[in-house]
């Protein structure tokens, strides 16, 4: 049996931005509906342990942090819907979201907080060792590899920044890129050769991530110039080949940048459609942190509440 429900605010997403927006909207008396998806918790749910979220001095498992945010949103009256959005109609207000389960939800205002996913190498061993040496964020997980040897995979700005970050934490870093030339901007490229504990491997690709029950202990690299292979002993692998924002269904109505991230007004979470706001990693190609996503969710809730006041 399909459900049709209406709310003041409809929030799409199930990570820190969505749950924080729901908490603020709920406390504001807006009775939000949150279509959180089946993968509730967002990217933090995939993180083994988070040490850099404020108020947890001993750190906290990512899944537990996601659960706590979700419970706090529910405490303030947010209605949580575990279903995936299949389509939206932003010709409003009101705005509509239809789910895979056949339900339909409408609202006067909307907050999009659908996040982004790290691109992957596509190796079975990448999945096998995720959380046991395979990482996607040096700022998040780099300190776990202090004094060790790590590999960073990629050739753009993100990879160069991850390699430079890890060079200050790890004992040594090997930066692996499939081309001879890096796509990173000139200032970052100029820094790489100056780092004493950074080794560059080009043109190489990762053919296998190696490890055991304890986690990653190496990477097998293939030289694209002659098909030869070498094994680099490493304790961790940071995959830095970009992120894909979950923005496709909104693009018929909203502006995106060259990589698909939703564009919001400067100093605001407002999108090009009045009444529709966006927050978190779906708008953020730079920081992609749980704390910045949560902050943006707060901003989006305040923005949508103030917008609704102008409509009454």
Protein backbone atom coordinates (compact mmCIF):
# COMPACT_ATOMS: atom_id res chain seq x y z
CA UNK A 1 0.00 0.00 0.00
CA UNK A 2 1.52 3.29 -1.10
CA UNK A 3 1.77 6.25 1.23
CA UNK A 4 1.29 9.92 0.45
CA UNK A 5 2.46 12.33 3.13
CA UNK A 6 3.00 16.07 3.38
CA UNK A 7 5.33 18.13 5.55
CA UNK A 8 6.71 21.61 5.93
CA UNK A 9 10.20 20.36 5.12
CA UNK A 10 11.34 17.30 3.23
CA UNK A 11 14.96 16.27 3.77
CA UNK A 12 16.59 13.83 1.36
CA UNK A 13 19.64 12.03 2.67
CA UNK A 14 20.87 9.99 5.61
CA UNK A 15 24.19 11.39 6.73
CA UNK A 16 25.45 14.15 9.06
CA UNK A 17 24.03 16.98 6.94
CA UNK A 18 20.58 15.39 6.69
CA UNK A 19 20.30 14.40 10.34
CA UNK A 20 21.55 17.77 11.58
CA UNK A 21 19.09 19.56 9.31
CA UNK A 22 16.36 17.27 10.66
CA UNK A 23 17.32 18.00 14.26
CA UNK A 24 17.18 21.76 13.73
CA UNK A 25 14.01 21.61 11.67
CA UNK A 26 12.36 19.40 14.28
CA UNK A 27 13.31 21.72 17.13
CA UNK A 28 11.90 24.55 15.02
CA UNK A 29 8.49 22.90 14.89
CA UNK A 30 8.65 22.08 11.17
CA UNK A 31 7.89 18.35 11.63
CA UNK A 32 10.36 17.28 8.92
CA UNK A 33 10.21 14.08 6.94
CA UNK A 34 13.64 12.57 6.26
CA UNK A 35 13.92 10.08 3.42
CA UNK A 36 17.19 8.64 4.61
CA UNK A 37 17.69 5.76 2.19
CA UNK A 38 18.63 2.21 3.03
CA UNK A 39 22.29 3.20 3.47
CA UNK A 40 21.50 5.49 6.40
CA UNK A 41 24.48 7.06 8.14
CA UNK A 42 26.17 8.20 4.94
CA UNK A 43 29.91 7.84 4.45
CA UNK A 44 30.61 7.93 8.18
CA UNK A 45 28.80 4.61 8.59
CA UNK A 46 31.59 3.09 6.48
CA UNK A 47 34.32 4.56 8.68
CA UNK A 48 35.80 2.19 11.21
CA UNK A 49 36.67 4.83 13.80
CA UNK A 50 36.32 8.62 13.82
CA UNK A 51 38.73 10.62 15.95
CA UNK A 52 38.05 14.14 14.65
CA UNK A 53 34.40 14.76 15.43
CA UNK A 54 34.02 17.24 18.32
CA UNK A 55 32.89 16.02 21.77
CA UNK A 56 34.29 12.50 21.41
CA UNK A 57 37.81 12.75 22.90
CA UNK A 58 38.34 9.00 22.67
CA UNK A 59 36.88 8.79 19.17
CA UNK A 60 33.77 6.91 18.14
CA UNK A 61 32.94 4.19 15.59
CA UNK A 62 31.49 5.77 12.45
CA UNK A 63 28.37 3.62 12.50
CA UNK A 64 27.69 4.55 16.12
CA UNK A 65 28.07 8.26 15.36
CA UNK A 66 25.59 7.92 12.52
CA UNK A 67 23.14 6.10 14.78
CA UNK A 68 23.42 8.79 17.47
CA UNK A 69 22.74 11.55 14.97
CA UNK A 70 19.74 9.64 13.69
CA UNK A 71 18.36 9.12 17.20
CA UNK A 72 18.79 12.80 18.01
CA UNK A 73 16.86 13.81 14.89
CA UNK A 74 14.05 11.43 15.86
CA UNK A 75 14.02 12.82 19.40
CA UNK A 76 13.00 16.21 18.03
CA UNK A 77 10.16 14.83 15.96
CA UNK A 78 11.72 14.08 12.60
CA UNK A 79 9.88 11.33 10.75
CA UNK A 80 12.52 8.96 9.37
CA UNK A 81 11.72 7.01 6.23
CA UNK A 82 14.06 4.15 5.31
CA UNK A 83 13.56 4.14 1.56
CA UNK A 84 15.47 5.41 -1.47
CA UNK A 85 14.25 8.34 -3.54
CA UNK A 86 13.62 7.34 -7.13
CA UNK A 87 12.53 10.70 -8.58
CA UNK A 88 11.81 14.27 -7.56
CA UNK A 89 9.69 17.08 -8.95
CA UNK A 90 11.05 20.51 -8.08
CA UNK A 91 8.40 22.43 -10.03
CA UNK A 92 7.03 23.92 -6.86
CA UNK A 93 6.46 24.59 -4.12
CA UNK A 94 5.17 22.18 -3.11
CA UNK A 95 8.00 19.82 -4.02
CA UNK A 96 7.60 16.06 -4.40
CA UNK A 97 9.82 13.03 -3.90
CA UNK A 98 8.83 9.54 -4.99
CA UNK A 99 10.51 6.49 -3.50
CA UNK A 100 11.51 3.05 -4.73
CA UNK A 101 8.87 1.66 -2.40
CA UNK A 102 6.12 3.44 -4.32
CA UNK A 103 5.43 6.19 -1.79
CA UNK A 104 5.15 9.91 -2.45
CA UNK A 105 6.09 12.80 -0.16
CA UNK A 106 5.41 16.51 -0.65
CA UNK A 107 6.66 19.54 1.21
CA UNK A 108 6.71 23.32 1.08
CA UNK A 109 10.51 23.33 1.40
CA UNK A 110 13.24 20.83 0.68
CA UNK A 111 16.80 20.15 1.89
CA UNK A 112 18.98 18.00 -0.37
CA UNK A 113 21.73 16.21 1.56
CA UNK A 114 22.40 13.15 -0.57
CA UNK A 115 26.19 13.21 -0.17
CA UNK A 116 28.93 11.94 -2.44
CA UNK A 117 30.79 8.67 -2.87
CA UNK A 118 34.51 8.20 -3.31
CA UNK A 119 35.49 6.72 -6.65
CA UNK A 120 37.05 3.32 -6.34
CA UNK A 121 39.73 1.37 -8.15
CA UNK A 122 37.36 -1.52 -8.72
CA UNK A 123 39.61 -4.20 -7.24
CA UNK A 124 38.17 -7.01 -5.08
CA UNK A 125 41.10 -6.49 -2.70
CA UNK A 126 40.08 -2.84 -2.32
CA UNK A 127 36.77 -3.99 -0.87
CA UNK A 128 38.43 -6.72 1.17
CA UNK A 129 40.77 -4.34 2.97
CA UNK A 130 38.53 -1.28 3.26
CA UNK A 131 38.76 -0.16 6.87
CA UNK A 132 41.82 -2.38 7.38
CA UNK A 133 44.33 -0.27 5.53
CA UNK A 134 42.38 0.98 2.51
CA UNK A 135 41.19 4.55 3.10
CA UNK A 136 39.66 7.39 1.13
CA UNK A 137 40.52 10.43 3.26
CA UNK A 138 43.94 11.38 4.64
CA UNK A 139 42.54 14.06 6.95
CA UNK A 140 40.14 11.50 8.42
CA UNK A 141 42.37 8.43 8.68
CA UNK A 142 45.93 9.63 8.17
CA UNK A 143 46.88 9.78 11.87
CA UNK A 144 46.31 6.03 12.16
CA UNK A 145 49.39 5.58 9.94
CA UNK A 146 51.81 7.82 11.82
CA UNK A 147 55.38 6.62 11.30
CA UNK A 148 54.38 4.01 8.72
CA UNK A 149 54.65 3.70 4.94
CA UNK A 150 51.62 4.39 2.76
CA UNK A 151 50.62 4.61 -0.88
CA UNK A 152 48.45 7.35 -2.34
CA UNK A 153 46.69 6.60 -5.62
CA UNK A 154 45.73 9.35 -8.08
CA UNK A 155 47.00 12.28 -10.10
CA UNK A 156 44.73 15.25 -9.47
CA UNK A 157 44.59 17.94 -6.81
CA UNK A 158 43.07 15.55 -4.28
CA UNK A 159 45.85 12.99 -4.70
CA UNK A 160 48.60 15.61 -4.47
CA UNK A 161 47.04 17.09 -1.34
CA UNK A 162 46.63 13.64 0.23
CA UNK A 163 50.25 12.78 -0.55
CA UNK A 164 51.51 16.04 0.96
CA UNK A 165 49.32 15.54 4.03
CA UNK A 166 50.55 12.00 4.53
CA UNK A 167 54.18 13.04 4.03
CA UNK A 168 53.87 15.00 7.29
CA UNK A 169 52.36 12.02 9.14
CA UNK A 170 53.82 8.84 7.68
CA UNK A 171 57.45 7.80 7.57
CA UNK A 172 57.29 7.57 3.78
CA UNK A 173 54.77 7.90 0.97
CA UNK A 174 54.65 6.46 -2.53
CA UNK A 175 52.40 8.40 -4.93
CA UNK A 176 51.08 6.25 -7.78
CA UNK A 177 49.61 7.71 -10.97
CA UNK A 178 48.69 6.04 -14.24
CA UNK A 179 50.06 8.86 -16.39
CA UNK A 180 53.48 10.50 -16.64
CA UNK A 181 51.99 13.92 -15.98
CA UNK A 182 49.88 14.91 -12.97
CA UNK A 183 46.60 16.75 -13.43
CA UNK A 184 47.07 18.61 -10.15
CA UNK A 185 47.49 22.37 -10.35
CA UNK A 186 50.95 23.78 -10.96
CA UNK A 187 51.58 24.91 -7.39
CA UNK A 188 50.87 21.44 -6.01
CA UNK A 189 52.94 19.75 -8.74
CA UNK A 190 55.88 21.98 -7.86
CA UNK A 191 55.79 20.88 -4.23
CA UNK A 192 55.85 17.13 -4.84
CA UNK A 193 59.51 16.71 -5.91
CA UNK A 194 60.67 18.75 -2.91
CA UNK A 195 59.28 16.30 -0.34
CA UNK A 196 62.10 14.06 0.84
CA UNK A 197 59.97 11.15 2.04
CA UNK A 198 57.74 11.09 -1.06
CA UNK A 199 58.45 8.68 -3.92
CA UNK A 200 56.58 9.04 -7.23
CA UNK A 201 55.67 6.02 -9.36
CA UNK A 202 54.49 6.86 -12.91
CA UNK A 203 53.04 5.57 -15.17
CA UNK A 204 51.83 2.85 -12.81
CA UNK A 205 48.49 1.38 -11.79
CA UNK A 206 47.56 -0.74 -8.80
CA UNK A 207 46.91 -4.28 -9.95
CA UNK A 208 46.40 -5.70 -6.46
CA UNK A 209 46.28 -4.61 -2.84
CA UNK A 210 48.09 -7.13 -0.68
CA UNK A 211 47.53 -8.06 2.92
CA UNK A 212 46.60 -10.62 5.53
CA UNK A 213 44.32 -10.95 8.54
CA UNK A 214 46.07 -7.98 10.13
CA UNK A 215 45.39 -5.70 7.16
CA UNK A 216 47.25 -4.19 4.21
CA UNK A 217 50.95 -4.95 3.85
CA UNK A 218 51.68 -4.00 0.25
CA UNK A 219 50.53 -3.06 -3.25
CA UNK A 220 51.37 -4.72 -6.53
CA UNK A 221 52.00 -2.06 -9.20
CA UNK A 222 52.04 -2.50 -12.97
CA UNK A 223 54.22 -0.23 -15.10
CA UNK A 224 52.11 0.80 -18.09
CA UNK A 225 55.19 1.53 -20.19
CA UNK A 226 56.43 -2.08 -20.25
CA UNK A 227 53.85 -4.16 -18.33
CA UNK A 228 56.39 -5.11 -15.66
CA UNK A 229 55.23 -5.44 -12.06
CA UNK A 230 56.76 -4.51 -8.73
CA UNK A 231 55.57 -4.88 -5.15
CA UNK A 232 55.73 -1.93 -2.78
CA UNK A 233 55.53 -2.74 0.94
CA UNK A 234 53.02 -0.36 2.53
CA UNK A 235 50.82 -0.33 5.63
CA UNK A 236 48.02 1.71 4.10
CA UNK A 237 46.54 2.73 0.77
CA UNK A 238 44.77 6.05 0.22
CA UNK A 239 42.59 6.07 -2.90
CA UNK A 240 42.29 9.68 -4.12
CA UNK A 241 40.77 9.53 -7.58
CA UNK A 242 37.80 11.79 -6.93
CA UNK A 243 34.25 11.77 -5.61
CA UNK A 244 30.90 11.48 -7.37
CA UNK A 245 28.10 13.57 -5.83
CA UNK A 246 24.63 12.04 -5.69
CA UNK A 247 23.09 14.87 -7.69
CA UNK A 248 21.87 13.31 -10.95
CA UNK A 249 18.14 13.36 -10.17
CA UNK A 250 18.24 17.06 -9.28
CA UNK A 251 20.15 18.29 -12.33
CA UNK A 252 17.09 19.00 -14.51
CA UNK A 253 16.26 21.82 -12.06
CA UNK A 254 19.45 22.80 -10.25
CA UNK A 255 22.85 24.16 -11.25
CA UNK A 256 25.91 21.96 -10.86
CA UNK A 257 29.63 22.51 -11.33
CA UNK A 258 31.80 20.65 -13.84
CA UNK A 259 32.01 17.65 -11.51
CA UNK A 260 28.30 17.46 -10.71
CA UNK A 261 28.33 19.10 -7.27
CA UNK A 262 25.24 21.20 -6.57
CA UNK A 263 25.87 24.94 -6.65
CA UNK A 264 24.41 27.08 -3.88
CA UNK A 265 24.27 30.83 -3.52
CA UNK A 266 27.37 32.38 -1.96
CA UNK A 267 26.97 32.55 1.81
CA UNK A 268 23.82 30.42 1.74
CA UNK A 269 22.57 26.88 1.19
CA UNK A 270 19.92 28.14 -1.27
CA UNK A 271 19.88 26.58 -4.73
CA UNK A 272 18.59 28.08 -7.97
CA UNK A 273 15.03 26.96 -7.06
CA UNK A 274 13.43 29.05 -4.29
CA UNK A 275 12.55 26.81 -1.36
CA UNK A 276 15.12 24.14 -2.22
CA UNK A 277 18.33 24.09 -0.20
CA UNK A 278 21.37 21.82 -0.35
CA UNK A 279 23.98 20.85 2.23
CA UNK A 280 26.85 18.48 2.87
CA UNK A 281 29.05 16.56 0.48
CA UNK A 282 26.66 16.89 -2.47
CA UNK A 283 27.69 20.56 -2.53
CA UNK A 284 31.26 20.21 -1.25
CA UNK A 285 34.13 19.11 -3.53
CA UNK A 286 36.76 20.40 -1.11
CA UNK A 287 36.31 19.49 2.56
CA UNK A 288 34.03 16.42 2.72
CA UNK A 289 34.17 16.07 6.52
CA UNK A 290 31.42 14.91 8.84
CA UNK A 291 31.72 18.08 10.89
CA UNK A 292 31.49 20.41 7.89
CA UNK A 293 28.51 18.44 6.57
CA UNK A 294 26.78 18.72 9.94
CA UNK A 295 27.44 22.46 10.00
CA UNK A 296 25.98 22.84 6.53
CA UNK A 297 22.92 20.84 7.59
CA UNK A 298 22.38 23.32 10.42
CA UNK A 299 22.64 26.20 7.96
CA UNK A 300 20.19 24.57 5.55
CA UNK A 301 17.60 24.05 8.29
CA UNK A 302 17.86 27.69 9.37
CA UNK A 303 17.69 28.85 5.74
CA UNK A 304 14.60 26.80 4.94
CA UNK A 305 12.87 27.90 8.14
CA UNK A 306 13.48 31.57 7.34
CA UNK A 307 12.31 31.01 3.76
CA UNK A 308 9.08 29.39 4.95
CA UNK A 309 8.38 32.43 7.13
CA UNK A 310 8.40 34.61 4.02
CA UNK A 311 5.80 32.37 2.38
CA UNK A 312 3.16 32.54 5.12
